């Protein structure tokens, strides 16, 4: 299934909207610009209900996030940057194993591969748009859409916050 991630241009509070193929909002996200630790919340756009909480570890030298399902209070994934300088590399882990990213994060052309070697998420830049728009394909038979959206949002935020300490 395809989702489209749109970041509102010139937004200081890091707002994102995920749309379906018919351009209807599916998920909305809002980051806490001044909160310590930094947090991002993913909401169901129809019910306006929080479904995922993404929290950055306080005072980590590299971006280190925990993705938690707020309905079950279960930690789903951990996303951590592994390299201080140069090309960012991330570890994505969960109770089912370690995931890897293949491709170019700086160009938003990458795939996320599960522990069994299967591509479960693919992210591509959508060129004809105002602001940042990314096309996301997720294998919704292997990963729920809200979890796939949360992982992409976390990787995006981690890649852009690599220079921030908190």
Protein backbone atom coordinates (compact mmCIF):
# COMPACT_ATOMS: atom_id res chain seq x y z
CA UNK A 1 0.00 0.00 0.00
CA UNK A 2 1.19 3.52 -0.73
CA UNK A 3 1.31 6.49 1.62
CA UNK A 4 2.54 9.98 0.89
CA UNK A 5 4.35 11.94 3.59
CA UNK A 6 4.03 15.69 3.37
CA UNK A 7 5.95 18.06 5.59
CA UNK A 8 4.46 21.50 5.98
CA UNK A 9 6.97 24.00 4.58
CA UNK A 10 8.40 26.64 6.90
CA UNK A 11 6.93 24.87 9.94
CA UNK A 12 8.88 25.27 13.17
CA UNK A 13 6.89 22.64 15.07
CA UNK A 14 7.65 19.81 12.65
CA UNK A 15 4.18 18.88 11.40
CA UNK A 16 3.73 16.02 8.97
CA UNK A 17 0.71 14.54 7.23
CA UNK A 18 0.47 11.09 5.65
CA UNK A 19 -2.02 10.79 2.78
CA UNK A 20 -3.39 7.78 0.96
CA UNK A 21 -3.48 7.40 -2.82
CA UNK A 22 -6.70 9.47 -3.02
CA UNK A 23 -4.97 12.33 -1.14
CA UNK A 24 -7.09 11.78 1.99
CA UNK A 25 -5.26 12.27 5.32
CA UNK A 26 -4.54 8.95 7.06
CA UNK A 27 -2.08 9.96 9.79
CA UNK A 28 -0.92 13.27 11.21
CA UNK A 29 2.19 13.88 13.23
CA UNK A 30 3.37 16.73 15.38
CA UNK A 31 6.79 17.16 16.90
CA UNK A 32 7.52 18.96 20.13
CA UNK A 33 10.00 21.63 19.06
CA UNK A 34 10.93 22.89 22.55
CA UNK A 35 10.14 19.86 24.75
CA UNK A 36 12.86 17.89 26.50
CA UNK A 37 13.13 15.10 25.53
CA UNK A 38 11.98 15.67 21.96
CA UNK A 39 8.78 13.81 21.13
CA UNK A 40 6.75 13.11 18.06
CA UNK A 41 3.18 11.88 18.18
CA UNK A 42 1.37 10.08 15.38
CA UNK A 43 -2.41 10.49 15.24
CA UNK A 44 -5.13 8.70 13.32
CA UNK A 45 -6.31 11.54 11.03
CA UNK A 46 -9.93 10.36 10.99
CA UNK A 47 -10.43 9.75 14.72
CA UNK A 48 -7.84 12.36 15.81
CA UNK A 49 -6.59 9.80 18.32
CA UNK A 50 -2.94 9.35 19.28
CA UNK A 51 -1.68 5.94 18.18
CA UNK A 52 2.14 6.15 18.37
CA UNK A 53 4.60 8.03 20.56
CA UNK A 54 8.16 8.55 19.34
CA UNK A 55 10.59 9.73 22.03
CA UNK A 56 14.19 10.75 21.61
CA UNK A 57 16.53 9.69 24.40
CA UNK A 58 17.59 12.69 26.45
CA UNK A 59 21.24 13.81 26.12
CA UNK A 60 22.24 11.11 23.66
CA UNK A 61 25.25 11.97 21.51
CA UNK A 62 23.58 10.45 18.48
CA UNK A 63 19.85 10.34 17.71
CA UNK A 64 18.29 7.44 19.60
CA UNK A 65 14.49 6.97 19.47
CA UNK A 66 11.90 4.63 20.94
CA UNK A 67 8.66 4.00 19.01
CA UNK A 68 5.79 3.06 21.33
CA UNK A 69 2.23 2.01 20.48
CA UNK A 70 0.14 4.23 22.77
CA UNK A 71 -2.92 1.97 22.68
CA UNK A 72 -1.03 -1.06 24.03
CA UNK A 73 1.87 0.82 25.74
CA UNK A 74 4.24 -1.61 23.98
CA UNK A 75 7.64 -0.54 22.64
CA UNK A 76 7.66 -1.49 18.99
CA UNK A 77 11.02 -0.34 17.60
CA UNK A 78 14.27 1.32 18.60
CA UNK A 79 16.05 3.53 16.08
CA UNK A 80 19.63 4.60 16.74
CA UNK A 81 22.25 6.44 14.71
CA UNK A 82 25.54 4.55 14.68
CA UNK A 83 28.03 6.99 13.12
CA UNK A 84 29.05 10.40 14.46
CA UNK A 85 30.47 11.85 11.23
CA UNK A 86 29.96 11.20 7.55
CA UNK A 87 27.05 9.35 6.05
CA UNK A 88 24.42 8.57 8.70
CA UNK A 89 23.75 4.90 9.38
CA UNK A 90 20.91 3.70 11.56
CA UNK A 91 20.15 0.56 13.52
CA UNK A 92 16.49 -0.37 13.64
CA UNK A 93 15.62 -3.12 16.08
CA UNK A 94 12.56 -4.74 17.59
CA UNK A 95 11.67 -7.91 19.45
CA UNK A 96 11.60 -9.74 16.08
CA UNK A 97 15.19 -8.80 15.19
CA UNK A 98 17.33 -6.16 13.49
CA UNK A 99 16.24 -4.33 10.37
CA UNK A 100 18.53 -2.55 7.92
CA UNK A 101 18.32 0.42 5.59
CA UNK A 102 19.61 0.14 2.03
CA UNK A 103 19.90 3.16 -0.24
CA UNK A 104 20.61 6.85 0.17
CA UNK A 105 19.02 8.57 3.17
CA UNK A 106 20.15 12.03 2.07
CA UNK A 107 18.20 11.68 -1.20
CA UNK A 108 15.22 9.93 0.42
CA UNK A 109 15.69 6.92 -1.83
CA UNK A 110 15.91 3.94 0.51
CA UNK A 111 14.38 0.60 1.50
CA UNK A 112 13.94 -0.95 4.92
CA UNK A 113 14.69 -4.66 5.00
CA UNK A 114 13.31 -6.97 7.72
CA UNK A 115 15.40 -9.61 9.57
CA UNK A 116 14.43 -12.21 6.92
CA UNK A 117 15.80 -10.15 4.01
CA UNK A 118 12.40 -8.99 2.75
CA UNK A 119 11.78 -5.37 1.71
CA UNK A 120 8.94 -4.12 3.89
CA UNK A 121 9.17 -0.34 3.33
CA UNK A 122 10.37 1.69 0.37
CA UNK A 123 10.74 5.49 0.43
CA UNK A 124 11.15 7.67 -2.67
CA UNK A 125 11.13 11.44 -3.17
CA UNK A 126 8.15 12.81 -5.05
CA UNK A 127 9.65 15.51 -7.24
CA UNK A 128 6.69 17.65 -8.33
CA UNK A 129 5.48 19.13 -5.07
CA UNK A 130 5.82 22.20 -2.90
CA UNK A 131 7.52 21.29 0.34
CA UNK A 132 8.91 17.87 1.12
CA UNK A 133 6.80 14.98 -0.18
CA UNK A 134 7.83 11.33 -0.07
CA UNK A 135 6.15 8.30 -1.57
CA UNK A 136 6.17 5.38 0.86
CA UNK A 137 5.35 1.83 -0.10
CA UNK A 138 4.72 -0.53 2.82
CA UNK A 139 4.00 -4.24 2.72
CA UNK A 140 0.96 -4.07 4.98
CA UNK A 141 0.85 -7.88 5.21
CA UNK A 142 4.15 -7.77 7.16
CA UNK A 143 3.96 -4.45 8.97
CA UNK A 144 0.95 -2.32 10.01
CA UNK A 145 0.73 0.99 8.14
CA UNK A 146 0.90 3.13 11.29
CA UNK A 147 4.11 1.33 12.32
CA UNK A 148 5.63 1.79 8.85
CA UNK A 149 4.70 5.49 8.95
CA UNK A 150 6.29 5.78 12.41
CA UNK A 151 9.55 4.19 11.27
CA UNK A 152 9.82 6.48 8.24
CA UNK A 153 9.01 9.51 10.38
CA UNK A 154 11.62 8.50 12.95
CA UNK A 155 14.35 7.93 10.36
CA UNK A 156 13.48 11.28 8.77
CA UNK A 157 13.61 13.11 12.12
CA UNK A 158 16.78 11.31 13.20
CA UNK A 159 18.56 12.13 9.95
CA UNK A 160 17.63 15.81 10.30
CA UNK A 161 18.40 16.03 14.02
CA UNK A 162 21.87 14.46 13.85
CA UNK A 163 23.52 17.72 14.90
CA UNK A 164 21.25 18.33 17.90
CA UNK A 165 22.17 16.92 21.30
CA UNK A 166 18.67 17.03 22.84
